[in-house]
Protein backbone atom coordinates (compact mmCIF):
# COMPACT_ATOMS: atom_id res chain seq x y z
CA MET A 1 0.09 0.11 0.02
CA LYS A 2 1.30 3.58 -0.67
CA GLY A 3 2.53 5.32 1.82
CA SER A 4 -0.22 8.29 1.66
CA LEU A 5 -2.89 5.80 1.80
CA ASP A 6 -1.47 4.55 5.02
CA GLU A 7 -3.33 6.09 7.94
CA VAL A 8 -1.45 3.95 10.65
CA LEU A 9 1.92 5.26 8.87
CA LYS A 10 0.92 8.77 8.72
CA ARG A 11 -0.02 8.81 12.36
CA ARG A 12 3.34 7.23 13.36
CA LEU A 13 5.30 9.98 11.19
CA LYS A 14 3.42 12.81 12.90
CA GLU A 15 3.81 11.12 16.21
CA MET A 16 7.37 10.81 15.55
CA ILE A 17 8.04 14.61 14.28
CA ILE A 18 6.02 15.74 17.27
CA THR A 19 8.05 13.54 19.98
CA GLU A 20 11.47 14.47 18.24
CA CYS A 21 10.78 18.11 17.82
CA GLU A 22 9.55 18.42 21.54
CA LYS A 23 5.81 19.75 20.14
CA GLU A 24 3.67 18.66 23.15
CA ASP A 25 1.38 21.34 22.51
CA ILE A 26 0.27 19.73 19.40
CA THR A 27 -1.29 16.39 18.48
CA ALA A 28 -1.12 14.13 15.36
CA ALA A 29 -4.86 14.80 14.57
CA ASP A 30 -3.54 18.94 14.57
CA VAL A 31 -0.89 17.95 11.64
CA PRO A 32 -2.50 18.18 8.24
CA ASP A 33 -1.32 15.48 5.81
CA ASP A 34 -0.94 17.97 2.56
CA VAL A 35 0.31 21.18 4.00
CA ILE A 36 3.97 21.69 3.88
CA LEU A 37 5.50 20.65 7.15
CA PHE A 38 8.03 23.84 7.13
CA SER A 39 5.65 26.36 6.77
CA ASP A 40 3.43 28.74 8.98
CA ASP A 41 0.25 26.71 7.85
CA CYS A 42 1.26 23.51 9.33
CA GLY A 43 1.44 24.68 12.91
CA LEU A 44 4.27 22.92 14.06
CA ALA A 45 6.97 26.28 13.65
CA LEU A 46 9.72 23.56 12.52
CA ASP A 47 13.17 25.13 11.96
CA SER A 48 16.81 23.68 10.76
CA LEU A 49 17.50 21.95 14.04
CA ASP A 50 13.77 20.14 13.90
CA ALA A 51 15.01 18.99 10.55
CA LEU A 52 17.91 17.42 11.89
CA GLN A 53 15.71 16.00 14.55
CA ILE A 54 13.10 14.69 12.23
CA ALA A 55 16.09 13.07 9.99
CA VAL A 56 17.53 11.14 12.80
CA GLY A 57 13.80 9.80 14.16
CA LEU A 58 13.53 8.52 10.38
CA GLN A 59 16.65 6.70 10.62
CA ASN A 60 16.17 5.58 14.31
CA GLN A 61 12.17 4.64 13.97
CA PHE A 62 11.71 3.51 10.17
CA GLY A 63 15.45 2.68 9.09
CA VAL A 64 15.26 5.55 6.47
CA ARG A 65 18.41 7.50 5.85
CA ILE A 66 17.94 10.97 4.28
CA PRO A 67 21.87 11.64 3.06
CA ASP A 68 22.09 15.23 2.50
CA SER A 69 19.96 18.45 2.67
CA LYS A 70 18.66 18.45 -0.85
CA SER A 71 17.10 15.14 -0.70
CA PHE A 72 15.72 16.35 2.91
CA ARG A 73 14.12 19.12 0.99
CA ARG A 74 12.93 16.66 -1.75
CA HIS A 75 11.09 14.05 0.43
CA VAL A 76 10.25 15.75 3.55
CA THR A 77 7.58 18.28 2.08
CA THR A 78 4.34 17.25 3.49
CA ILE A 79 3.14 14.05 5.75
CA ASN A 80 1.64 12.33 2.51
CA ALA A 81 5.10 12.94 0.64
CA LEU A 82 6.86 11.66 3.48
CA ALA A 83 4.94 8.38 3.75
CA ASP A 84 5.38 7.55 0.13
CA PHE A 85 9.08 8.19 0.55
CA ILE A 86 8.85 5.73 3.43
CA GLN A 87 6.40 2.89 1.51
CA PRO A 88 6.28 3.68 -2.07
CA GLU A 89 4.11 1.19 -2.79
């Protein structure tokens, strides 16, 4: 199943981001699937340190390694895009 169709995977991703970035004031339900994560519309107020923490969390929890910032910007755009990157089919 494609990642963007897997509600369990998307919830795990949201929870991982919230935990890794220490955003205790927001829940997984508050994070939209299709809004740019590093935008004001997302509600997470993510910064460059959060990007590093997300990359480490992806590697630790999902076994996904993102080698550089270009790859990160290409794959970590929205929850749907990130889920499809982790689980393409």
